[in-house]
Every structure is written in C-alpha cells, then in structure tokens.
C-alpha cells in the first residue's frame, strides 16, 4: 500500500510529527536539526526553522497553536511564536 501523500524536504530521518488544531498543516522535526511546516492540501513546504544543533526529538503546539515548543535532547527547549498564517 502506498501513502496518499508524501512530504519531501528533510535531509535526515523525521523523528516527530504533529498537526495544527485546524488540521490544515503538519509540523515535522528531524535529525537534520530543522522544524518544517507543510500545507496538507498542496504538499508545499511553508517554512523551515533551524531549531537546534542536535536532532529535533519532540515538538508540541500549544492548544491555540500560538506557540511551538521543541526539545532537542540537550537540556533545553525552544519556544517560537507560530505565524498567524498557520493558525487560520
């Protein structure tokens, strides 16, 4: 069985995936040290965040999608404000 859609862009293994509350966007974190936002309907990559010097091991969106929190397993977390365009 083949996947219905494939998002291509990370240069290393994807370790974590989440979606926005509205279900329109996917956020992925990878061993390539980036977090990427994807539009589910168009398969387009919307943004890339260089988030760490290590692989991204965990990402979480706050319930209103206002903030993205990431953990790279090095003893700290990063918090970013999510652009309004990804919350609509």
Protein backbone atom coordinates (compact mmCIF):
# COMPACT_ATOMS: atom_id res chain seq x y z
CA UNK A 1 0.00 0.00 0.00
CA UNK A 2 1.35 3.43 -0.97
CA UNK A 3 0.94 6.60 1.10
CA UNK A 4 -1.72 9.01 -0.13
CA UNK A 5 0.66 11.98 0.16
CA UNK A 6 4.42 12.35 0.61
CA UNK A 7 6.12 15.43 2.03
CA UNK A 8 9.71 15.65 0.84
CA UNK A 9 12.27 18.09 2.22
CA UNK A 10 14.12 16.88 5.31
CA UNK A 11 17.67 15.67 4.71
CA UNK A 12 17.64 13.19 7.63
CA UNK A 13 15.17 10.97 9.46
CA UNK A 14 11.94 12.57 10.68
CA UNK A 15 11.59 11.93 14.42
CA UNK A 16 8.40 13.76 15.32
CA UNK A 17 5.24 15.00 13.60
CA UNK A 18 2.26 16.98 14.81
CA UNK A 19 -0.58 18.89 13.19
CA UNK A 20 -2.19 22.24 13.82
CA UNK A 21 -5.54 22.36 15.59
CA UNK A 22 -7.32 23.32 12.37
CA UNK A 23 -5.91 20.22 10.63
CA UNK A 24 -4.55 22.20 7.67
CA UNK A 25 -0.84 21.99 8.44
CA UNK A 26 1.72 19.40 9.53
CA UNK A 27 4.82 20.28 11.55
CA UNK A 28 7.78 17.89 11.42
CA UNK A 29 11.07 17.68 13.30
CA UNK A 30 14.12 15.86 12.03
CA UNK A 31 17.67 14.72 12.54
CA UNK A 32 18.62 17.45 10.08
CA UNK A 33 18.12 19.89 13.01
CA UNK A 34 15.14 21.62 11.42
CA UNK A 35 11.44 22.01 12.03
CA UNK A 36 9.33 22.29 8.89
CA UNK A 37 5.73 23.36 8.31
CA UNK A 38 3.75 21.79 5.47
CA UNK A 39 0.39 22.53 3.87
CA UNK A 40 -1.54 19.25 3.85
CA UNK A 41 -3.69 20.06 0.81
CA UNK A 42 -0.91 21.33 -1.51
CA UNK A 43 2.06 19.34 -0.08
CA UNK A 44 4.04 22.59 -0.11
CA UNK A 45 6.68 23.29 2.49
CA UNK A 46 5.72 26.61 4.08
CA UNK A 47 8.64 27.30 6.40
CA UNK A 48 11.90 25.92 7.76
CA UNK A 49 13.24 26.66 11.20
CA UNK A 50 16.86 25.87 12.09
CA UNK A 51 15.94 24.93 15.61
CA UNK A 52 18.96 23.26 17.19
CA UNK A 53 22.49 21.94 16.96
CA UNK A 54 21.06 18.47 17.57
CA UNK A 55 18.22 16.41 16.08
CA UNK A 56 14.71 17.52 16.94
CA UNK A 57 13.29 14.89 19.27
CA UNK A 58 9.97 16.44 20.31
CA UNK A 59 7.66 19.21 19.13
CA UNK A 60 4.43 20.45 20.62
CA UNK A 61 1.93 23.12 19.66
CA UNK A 62 0.02 24.93 22.38
CA UNK A 63 -3.77 24.31 22.20
CA UNK A 64 -4.42 27.55 20.29
CA UNK A 65 -1.38 26.96 18.00
CA UNK A 66 0.09 30.26 19.17
CA UNK A 67 3.44 28.73 20.22
CA UNK A 68 5.61 25.86 19.04
CA UNK A 69 7.84 24.20 21.63
CA UNK A 70 10.73 21.91 20.68
CA UNK A 71 13.19 19.71 22.54
CA UNK A 72 16.46 18.56 21.05
CA UNK A 73 17.55 16.41 23.96
CA UNK A 74 20.40 18.69 25.05
CA UNK A 75 18.85 20.06 28.25
CA UNK A 76 16.91 23.00 26.88
CA UNK A 77 13.72 23.77 24.98
CA UNK A 78 12.98 26.35 22.32
CA UNK A 79 9.73 28.29 22.00
CA UNK A 80 8.64 30.12 18.87
CA UNK A 81 5.55 32.16 18.07
CA UNK A 82 3.66 30.46 15.24
CA UNK A 83 2.87 32.80 12.32
CA UNK A 84 -0.77 33.83 12.08
CA UNK A 85 -0.96 32.33 8.58
CA UNK A 86 -0.51 28.83 10.08
CA UNK A 87 -3.29 29.41 12.61
CA UNK A 88 -6.04 30.35 10.14
